[in-house]
Each structure stands twice: as C-alpha cells, then as structure tokens.
Amino acid sequence: MKVSKSDIIELIEDEKTDSFTNHLNAILKWGFRPTGEIQKREIRVWRQNVWNGVFYPIFKFHLNNDGYLVKITDRINPVGLIVYILLCAVVSIPWLYWIFDDYDPASHWIQIITWVVFFGIFGLISFKIYQMEKKIQLSQIYEILEIEVEGDKLEDEWGMKKILLRIITYALSFLLIAVCFIFVIPSGNYLIALATLLIVGVYLYSDLKILLKKGKKKQ
C-alpha cells in the first residue's frame, strides 16, 4: 500500500516549523500533541510523551515527485541534543575537575580511565533509550499508516543477539546504579546521581515496556 502526503499530514495535530524555538517552547510547556512541519517533498513529525519529554526524535517523511512516501529517517531534536551535551559536561566534573587546577593527565590516569568507562556505559544506555523510543513511535506510525515492515517479527526480541545485548546492557545499567550509590552519592554529587539514575530507569522501563507489548501481541 502506497502512503500519500495527505495520509502523513493526518498524523499532525499542530503544524509548526521545525525550529529550535518551537522545540524549546514544547519542552517548557510539556505539550504532547503530534506536531509537524509540512514541506513540498518532506514532512517532519515529532511528539513528546511523559517518559521522553526532552530527547524525543523528529521523523522525516521523504516524498517522491508524485507525493508518495519513499523513506523515513530520524534525528534527535536540537534542544534535546544540547541538553544531552550539557548533561555530559556536568556529569564529567567529578572526574575532570583537575583540568582547571593542575593539568597533569599522568597523575590523574585513574580518573581518566574511570571517566572513559563511565561514559562508555552512559553513552551506550543513552543510545539504547533513544533507539527504543524511536522504535516505539515508529511502530505506532506504521500501525496508523498501515505500513507493513518485513522482518519485524515477534521472535526477534528473544533472538540470541537481542538476549546477549540485554544481558550486557542490563549488567551495565546495574553497574551504573552501584557506582551512584557507592561513589557518586557519598561524594555529595546528588544531581549527577539523580540524572544517571533517571536515564538508567527510563532505559529499563522502556525496554520492559517493549517486552510486555510484544508478549501481549504474541498471546
């Protein structure tokens, strides 16, 4: 079934331009209406939810000359990207504060290694959260537009690759939780611990939500 431009436009309840200002207003007002920008050969659609009010994706619907859907791409909204970069900078302070005092990496190699490991885990979990939120919203879009996706099988969530990936990410998530309670909170960095625990919590919740949704469909 071909998806026309008019079909995609029906996804939008509030038409606005895809600008930094509009995304900032949406985040501050905590609006959850499907919003979008309509162009001649491209339609951009985004929507917030309770669990992802800041780092939500923007979907780009690319159209051909006849006005039919060719492909869908995505990217994180500009405000969410800046907030994430600032969050990473703030979280880095406990490990890299010495840069402003005495710039001597050789004497702070333990902090550097710890920082690299922490942000490797932090970045992986953040990426997984974004991918899962994108997948959830895409499945809703496919359902509304009646798009059939080949290879999107129920068993894939319990394939060997998925199971191994979950074992790794769950282990890393609990490692981050342990780091927060053993090192970060005792050192007085409560905001950093809170931000880290929120990100891990959102990841675990989103992943369990996907599994439960797949389980219900299987039944």
C-alpha atoms as a PDB file:
ATOM      1  CA  MET A   1       0.000   0.000   0.000  1.00  0.00           C
ATOM      2  CA  LYS A   2       1.335   3.415  -1.031  1.00  0.00           C
ATOM      3  CA  VAL A   3       1.341   6.127   1.618  1.00  0.00           C
ATOM      4  CA  SER A   4       0.408   9.545   0.268  1.00  0.00           C
ATOM      5  CA  LYS A   5       1.298  13.002   1.532  1.00  0.00           C
ATOM      6  CA  SER A   6      -2.262  13.539   2.743  1.00  0.00           C
ATOM      7  CA  ASP A   7      -2.057  10.329   4.807  1.00  0.00           C
ATOM      8  CA  ILE A   8       1.063  11.574   6.577  1.00  0.00           C
ATOM      9  CA  ILE A   9      -0.409  15.036   7.184  1.00  0.00           C
ATOM     10  CA  GLU A  10      -3.198  13.378   9.178  1.00  0.00           C
ATOM     11  CA  LEU A  11      -0.585  12.453  11.796  1.00  0.00           C
ATOM     12  CA  ILE A  12      -0.149  16.147  12.606  1.00  0.00           C
ATOM     13  CA  GLU A  13      -2.453  17.938  15.050  1.00  0.00           C
ATOM     14  CA  ASP A  14      -0.397  21.107  15.436  1.00  0.00           C
ATOM     15  CA  GLU A  15       1.520  22.494  12.444  1.00  0.00           C
ATOM     16  CA  LYS A  16       4.744  24.324  13.337  1.00  0.00           C
ATOM     17  CA  THR A  17       8.190  24.813  11.854  1.00  0.00           C
ATOM     18  CA  ASP A  18      10.995  22.516  12.949  1.00  0.00           C
ATOM     19  CA  SER A  19      12.947  25.240  14.790  1.00  0.00           C
ATOM     20  CA  PHE A  20      14.966  25.448  17.993  1.00  0.00           C
ATOM     21  CA  THR A  21      12.487  27.950  19.474  1.00  0.00           C
ATOM     22  CA  ASN A  22       9.431  25.776  18.834  1.00  0.00           C
ATOM     23  CA  HIS A  23      11.088  22.706  20.345  1.00  0.00           C
ATOM     24  CA  LEU A  24      12.167  24.735  23.381  1.00  0.00           C
ATOM     25  CA  ASN A  25       8.600  26.013  23.862  1.00  0.00           C
ATOM     26  CA  ALA A  26       7.233  22.476  23.513  1.00  0.00           C
ATOM     27  CA  ILE A  27       9.617  21.183  26.179  1.00  0.00           C
ATOM     28  CA  LEU A  28       8.893  24.064  28.570  1.00  0.00           C
ATOM     29  CA  LYS A  29       5.119  23.759  28.103  1.00  0.00           C
ATOM     30  CA  TRP A  30       5.294  19.949  28.253  1.00  0.00           C
ATOM     31  CA  GLY A  31       2.949  19.516  25.304  1.00  0.00           C
ATOM     32  CA  PHE A  32       2.151  16.052  23.996  1.00  0.00           C
ATOM     33  CA  ARG A  33       0.321  16.842  20.746  1.00  0.00           C
ATOM     34  CA  PRO A  34       1.675  15.391  17.496  1.00  0.00           C
ATOM     35  CA  THR A  35       3.389  18.335  15.824  1.00  0.00           C
ATOM     36  CA  GLY A  36       4.917  18.719  12.402  1.00  0.00           C
ATOM     37  CA  GLU A  37       6.234  20.845   9.569  1.00  0.00           C
ATOM     38  CA  ILE A  38       4.891  20.335   6.047  1.00  0.00           C
ATOM     39  CA  GLN A  39       7.152  20.956   3.055  1.00  0.00           C
ATOM     40  CA  LYS A  40       6.802  20.102  -0.621  1.00  0.00           C
ATOM     41  CA  ARG A  41       8.957  16.966  -0.638  1.00  0.00           C
ATOM     42  CA  GLU A  42       9.349  16.377   3.086  1.00  0.00           C
ATOM     43  CA  ILE A  43       7.175  16.218   6.198  1.00  0.00           C
ATOM     44  CA  ARG A  44       8.645  16.353   9.699  1.00  0.00           C
ATOM     45  CA  VAL A  45       6.692  14.941  12.623  1.00  0.00           C
ATOM     46  CA  TRP A  46       7.508  14.789  16.337  1.00  0.00           C
ATOM     47  CA  ARG A  47       5.714  14.019  19.561  1.00  0.00           C
ATOM     48  CA  GLN A  48       6.670  14.075  23.232  1.00  0.00           C
ATOM     49  CA  ASN A  49       5.472  11.723  25.939  1.00  0.00           C
ATOM     50  CA  VAL A  50       5.739  11.536  29.715  1.00  0.00           C
ATOM     51  CA  TRP A  51       8.906   9.414  29.643  1.00  0.00           C
ATOM     52  CA  ASN A  52      10.612  11.302  26.835  1.00  0.00           C
ATOM     53  CA  GLY A  53       9.693  14.957  27.053  1.00  0.00           C
ATOM     54  CA  VAL A  54      13.149  16.279  26.136  1.00  0.00           C
ATOM     55  CA  PHE A  55      15.057  13.778  23.979  1.00  0.00           C
ATOM     56  CA  TYR A  56      12.266  12.869  21.553  1.00  0.00           C
ATOM     57  CA  PRO A  57      13.026  12.082  17.886  1.00  0.00           C
ATOM     58  CA  ILE A  58      11.987  14.023  14.809  1.00  0.00           C
ATOM     59  CA  PHE A  59      10.805  11.811  11.952  1.00  0.00           C
ATOM     60  CA  LYS A  60      11.379  12.950   8.377  1.00  0.00           C
ATOM     61  CA  PHE A  61       8.996  11.530   5.777  1.00  0.00           C
ATOM     62  CA  HIS A  62      10.686  11.822   2.369  1.00  0.00           C
ATOM     63  CA  LEU A  63       8.328  12.034  -0.622  1.00  0.00           C
ATOM     64  CA  ASN A  64       8.833  11.452  -4.337  1.00  0.00           C
ATOM     65  CA  ASN A  65       7.676  13.766  -7.135  1.00  0.00           C
ATOM     66  CA  ASP A  66       4.213  12.193  -7.033  1.00  0.00           C
ATOM     67  CA  GLY A  67       3.789  12.900  -3.315  1.00  0.00           C
ATOM     68  CA  TYR A  68       4.188   9.335  -2.057  1.00  0.00           C
ATOM     69  CA  LEU A  69       6.356   8.158   0.817  1.00  0.00           C
ATOM     70  CA  VAL A  70       9.828   6.938  -0.148  1.00  0.00           C
ATOM     71  CA  LYS A  71      11.556   6.533   3.209  1.00  0.00           C
ATOM     72  CA  ILE A  72      11.531   7.651   6.845  1.00  0.00           C
ATOM     73  CA  THR A  73      14.609   8.978   8.634  1.00  0.00           C
ATOM     74  CA  ASP A  74      15.050  10.396  12.110  1.00  0.00           C
ATOM     75  CA  ARG A  75      17.226  12.605  14.305  1.00  0.00           C
ATOM     76  CA  ILE A  76      17.058  13.872  17.876  1.00  0.00           C
ATOM     77  CA  ASN A  77      15.512  17.325  18.324  1.00  0.00           C
ATOM     78  CA  PRO A  78      18.050  20.197  18.627  1.00  0.00           C
ATOM     79  CA  VAL A  79      17.099  21.166  22.193  1.00  0.00           C
ATOM     80  CA  GLY A  80      17.410  17.585  23.397  1.00  0.00           C
ATOM     81  CA  LEU A  81      20.838  17.304  21.764  1.00  0.00           C
ATOM     82  CA  ILE A  82      22.117  20.449  23.512  1.00  0.00           C
ATOM     83  CA  VAL A  83      20.663  19.353  26.863  1.00  0.00           C
ATOM     84  CA  TYR A  84      22.383  15.982  26.494  1.00  0.00           C
ATOM     85  CA  ILE A  85      25.749  17.614  25.723  1.00  0.00           C
ATOM     86  CA  LEU A  86      25.388  19.915  28.756  1.00  0.00           C
ATOM     87  CA  LEU A  87      24.397  16.944  30.909  1.00  0.00           C
ATOM     88  CA  CYS A  88      27.516  15.065  29.808  1.00  0.00           C
ATOM     89  CA  ALA A  89      29.637  18.109  30.648  1.00  0.00           C
ATOM     90  CA  VAL A  90      28.127  18.407  34.140  1.00  0.00           C
ATOM     91  CA  VAL A  91      28.483  14.691  34.832  1.00  0.00           C
ATOM     92  CA  SER A  92      32.155  14.920  33.799  1.00  0.00           C
ATOM     93  CA  ILE A  93      33.009  17.442  36.536  1.00  0.00           C
ATOM     94  CA  PRO A  94      33.725  14.902  39.343  1.00  0.00           C
ATOM     95  CA  TRP A  95      36.274  13.124  37.135  1.00  0.00           C
ATOM     96  CA  LEU A  96      37.835  16.008  35.212  1.00  0.00           C
ATOM     97  CA  TYR A  97      37.827  18.884  37.721  1.00  0.00           C
ATOM     98  CA  TRP A  98      41.636  18.630  37.933  1.00  0.00           C
ATOM     99  CA  ILE A  99      41.948  20.104  34.438  1.00  0.00           C
ATOM    100  CA  PHE A 100      41.276  23.549  35.912  1.00  0.00           C
ATOM    101  CA  ASP A 101      43.686  23.094  38.843  1.00  0.00           C
ATOM    102  CA  ASP A 102      46.734  21.268  37.572  1.00  0.00           C
ATOM    103  CA  TYR A 103      46.698  19.979  34.026  1.00  0.00           C
ATOM    104  CA  ASP A 104      48.721  16.815  34.550  1.00  0.00           C
ATOM    105  CA  PRO A 105      46.972  13.812  32.932  1.00  0.00           C
ATOM    106  CA  ALA A 106      49.730  11.421  34.012  1.00  0.00           C
ATOM    107  CA  SER A 107      48.913  11.921  37.694  1.00  0.00           C
ATOM    108  CA  HIS A 108      45.164  11.541  37.129  1.00  0.00           C
ATOM    109  CA  TRP A 109      45.088   8.431  34.940  1.00  0.00           C
ATOM    110  CA  ILE A 110      42.711   6.618  37.305  1.00  0.00           C
ATOM    111  CA  GLN A 111      40.113   9.394  36.975  1.00  0.00           C
ATOM    112  CA  ILE A 112      40.568   9.401  33.203  1.00  0.00           C
ATOM    113  CA  ILE A 113      40.062   5.635  32.881  1.00  0.00           C
ATOM    114  CA  THR A 114      37.052   5.760  35.211  1.00  0.00           C
ATOM    115  CA  TRP A 115      35.573   8.626  33.203  1.00  0.00           C
ATOM    116  CA  VAL A 116      36.053   6.763  29.907  1.00  0.00           C
ATOM    117  CA  VAL A 117      34.414   3.597  31.278  1.00  0.00           C
ATOM    118  CA  PHE A 118      31.548   5.527  32.885  1.00  0.00           C
ATOM    119  CA  PHE A 119      30.788   7.495  29.728  1.00  0.00           C
ATOM    120  CA  GLY A 120      31.102   4.414  27.576  1.00  0.00           C
ATOM    121  CA  ILE A 121      28.297   2.852  29.614  1.00  0.00           C
ATOM    122  CA  PHE A 122      26.392   6.142  29.890  1.00  0.00           C
ATOM    123  CA  GLY A 123      26.554   6.709  26.126  1.00  0.00           C
ATOM    124  CA  LEU A 124      25.501   3.149  25.293  1.00  0.00           C
ATOM    125  CA  ILE A 125      22.466   3.296  27.573  1.00  0.00           C
ATOM    126  CA  SER A 126      21.511   6.758  26.277  1.00  0.00           C
ATOM    127  CA  PHE A 127      21.710   5.472  22.704  1.00  0.00           C
ATOM    128  CA  LYS A 128      19.585   2.453  23.591  1.00  0.00           C
ATOM    129  CA  ILE A 129      16.946   4.707  25.161  1.00  0.00           C
ATOM    130  CA  TYR A 130      16.734   6.820  22.020  1.00  0.00           C
ATOM    131  CA  GLN A 131      16.575   3.757  19.769  1.00  0.00           C
ATOM    132  CA  MET A 132      13.808   2.173  21.840  1.00  0.00           C
ATOM    133  CA  GLU A 133      11.749   5.369  21.919  1.00  0.00           C
ATOM    134  CA  LYS A 134      12.193   5.700  18.169  1.00  0.00           C
ATOM    135  CA  LYS A 135      11.109   2.093  17.686  1.00  0.00           C
ATOM    136  CA  ILE A 136       8.002   2.561  19.823  1.00  0.00           C
ATOM    137  CA  GLN A 137       6.931   5.694  17.959  1.00  0.00           C
ATOM    138  CA  LEU A 138       7.727   4.170  14.566  1.00  0.00           C
ATOM    139  CA  SER A 139       5.589   1.117  15.326  1.00  0.00           C
ATOM    140  CA  GLN A 140       2.707   3.461  16.166  1.00  0.00           C
ATOM    141  CA  ILE A 141       3.241   5.368  12.913  1.00  0.00           C
ATOM    142  CA  TYR A 142       3.373   2.137  10.894  1.00  0.00           C
ATOM    143  CA  GLU A 143       0.146   0.997  12.514  1.00  0.00           C
ATOM    144  CA  ILE A 144      -1.676   4.272  11.790  1.00  0.00           C
ATOM    145  CA  LEU A 145      -0.447   4.442   8.186  1.00  0.00           C
ATOM    146  CA  GLU A 146      -0.942   0.681   7.721  1.00  0.00           C
ATOM    147  CA  ILE A 147       2.663   0.137   6.660  1.00  0.00           C
ATOM    148  CA  GLU A 148       3.849  -3.457   6.677  1.00  0.00           C
ATOM    149  CA  VAL A 149       7.504  -3.897   7.623  1.00  0.00           C
ATOM    150  CA  GLU A 150       9.242  -7.080   6.505  1.00  0.00           C
ATOM    151  CA  GLY A 151      11.374  -8.802   9.079  1.00  0.00           C
ATOM    152  CA  ASP A 152       9.719  -7.163  12.088  1.00  0.00           C
ATOM    153  CA  LYS A 153       8.936 -10.468  13.743  1.00  0.00           C
ATOM    154  CA  LEU A 154       7.920 -11.117  17.312  1.00  0.00           C
ATOM    155  CA  GLU A 155      10.637 -13.690  17.873  1.00  0.00           C
ATOM    156  CA  ASP A 156      13.360 -11.140  17.128  1.00  0.00           C
ATOM    157  CA  GLU A 157      13.058  -9.723  20.649  1.00  0.00           C
ATOM    158  CA  TRP A 158      14.089 -13.119  22.012  1.00  0.00           C
ATOM    159  CA  GLY A 159      16.753 -13.914  19.441  1.00  0.00           C
ATOM    160  CA  MET A 160      20.279 -14.740  20.576  1.00  0.00           C
ATOM    161  CA  LYS A 161      21.595 -11.309  19.543  1.00  0.00           C
ATOM    162  CA  LYS A 162      18.868  -9.499  21.481  1.00  0.00           C
ATOM    163  CA  ILE A 163      19.334 -11.670  24.565  1.00  0.00           C
ATOM    164  CA  LEU A 164      23.108 -11.113  24.634  1.00  0.00           C
ATOM    165  CA  LEU A 165      22.638  -7.374  24.133  1.00  0.00           C
ATOM    166  CA  ARG A 166      20.150  -7.216  27.005  1.00  0.00           C
ATOM    167  CA  ILE A 167      22.454  -9.173  29.305  1.00  0.00           C
ATOM    168  CA  ILE A 168      25.229  -6.660  28.598  1.00  0.00           C
ATOM    169  CA  THR A 169      23.108  -3.510  28.865  1.00  0.00           C
ATOM    170  CA  TYR A 170      21.275  -4.712  31.986  1.00  0.00           C
ATOM    171  CA  ALA A 171      24.598  -5.568  33.649  1.00  0.00           C
ATOM    172  CA  LEU A 172      25.991  -2.145  32.730  1.00  0.00           C
ATOM    173  CA  SER A 173      22.816  -0.469  33.996  1.00  0.00           C
ATOM    174  CA  PHE A 174      23.098  -2.115  37.396  1.00  0.00           C
ATOM    175  CA  LEU A 175      26.808  -1.271  37.425  1.00  0.00           C
ATOM    176  CA  LEU A 176      25.938   2.411  36.958  1.00  0.00           C
ATOM    177  CA  ILE A 177      23.393   2.178  39.771  1.00  0.00           C
ATOM    178  CA  ALA A 178      26.052   0.656  42.036  1.00  0.00           C
ATOM    179  CA  VAL A 179      28.547   3.387  41.097  1.00  0.00           C
ATOM    180  CA  CYS A 180      25.989   6.047  42.009  1.00  0.00           C
ATOM    181  CA  PHE A 181      25.286   4.585  45.455  1.00  0.00           C
ATOM    182  CA  ILE A 182      28.882   3.599  46.270  1.00  0.00           C
ATOM    183  CA  PHE A 183      30.834   6.569  44.889  1.00  0.00           C
ATOM    184  CA  VAL A 184      28.724   9.413  43.472  1.00  0.00           C
ATOM    185  CA  ILE A 185      26.168   9.905  46.268  1.00  0.00           C
ATOM    186  CA  PRO A 186      28.684   9.569  49.161  1.00  0.00           C
ATOM    187  CA  SER A 187      30.836  12.237  47.471  1.00  0.00           C
ATOM    188  CA  GLY A 188      27.893  14.652  47.535  1.00  0.00           C
ATOM    189  CA  ASN A 189      27.165  14.752  43.781  1.00  0.00           C
ATOM    190  CA  TYR A 190      23.419  14.260  44.210  1.00  0.00           C
ATOM    191  CA  LEU A 191      22.305  15.921  40.966  1.00  0.00           C
ATOM    192  CA  ILE A 192      24.695  13.803  38.914  1.00  0.00           C
ATOM    193  CA  ALA A 193      23.476  10.659  40.666  1.00  0.00           C
ATOM    194  CA  LEU A 194      19.858  11.674  40.075  1.00  0.00           C
ATOM    195  CA  ALA A 195      20.437  12.319  36.359  1.00  0.00           C
ATOM    196  CA  THR A 196      22.239   8.996  35.943  1.00  0.00           C
ATOM    197  CA  LEU A 197      19.581   7.031  37.832  1.00  0.00           C
ATOM    198  CA  LEU A 198      16.819   8.690  35.789  1.00  0.00           C
ATOM    199  CA  ILE A 199      18.469   7.727  32.497  1.00  0.00           C
ATOM    200  CA  VAL A 200      19.016   4.141  33.643  1.00  0.00           C
ATOM    201  CA  GLY A 201      15.453   3.979  34.971  1.00  0.00           C
ATOM    202  CA  VAL A 202      13.992   5.242  31.692  1.00  0.00           C
ATOM    203  CA  TYR A 203      16.017   2.649  29.770  1.00  0.00           C
ATOM    204  CA  LEU A 204      14.895  -0.258  31.956  1.00  0.00           C
ATOM    205  CA  TYR A 205      11.271   0.917  31.894  1.00  0.00           C
ATOM    206  CA  SER A 206      11.253   1.403  28.105  1.00  0.00           C
ATOM    207  CA  ASP A 207      12.829  -1.990  27.450  1.00  0.00           C
ATOM    208  CA  LEU A 208      10.416  -3.802  29.756  1.00  0.00           C
ATOM    209  CA  LYS A 209       7.563  -1.922  28.090  1.00  0.00           C
ATOM    210  CA  ILE A 210       8.660  -3.247  24.693  1.00  0.00           C
ATOM    211  CA  LEU A 211       8.900  -6.817  26.012  1.00  0.00           C
ATOM    212  CA  LEU A 212       5.454  -6.643  27.626  1.00  0.00           C
ATOM    213  CA  LYS A 213       3.945  -5.191  24.460  1.00  0.00           C
ATOM    214  CA  LYS A 214       5.480  -7.958  22.346  1.00  0.00           C
ATOM    215  CA  GLY A 215       4.300 -10.545  24.858  1.00  0.00           C
ATOM    216  CA  LYS A 216       0.707  -9.313  24.642  1.00  0.00           C
ATOM    217  CA  LYS A 217       0.796  -9.431  20.840  1.00  0.00           C
ATOM    218  CA  LYS A 218       2.119 -12.997  20.960  1.00  0.00           C
ATOM    219  CA  GLN A 219      -0.818 -14.046  23.122  1.00  0.00           C
END
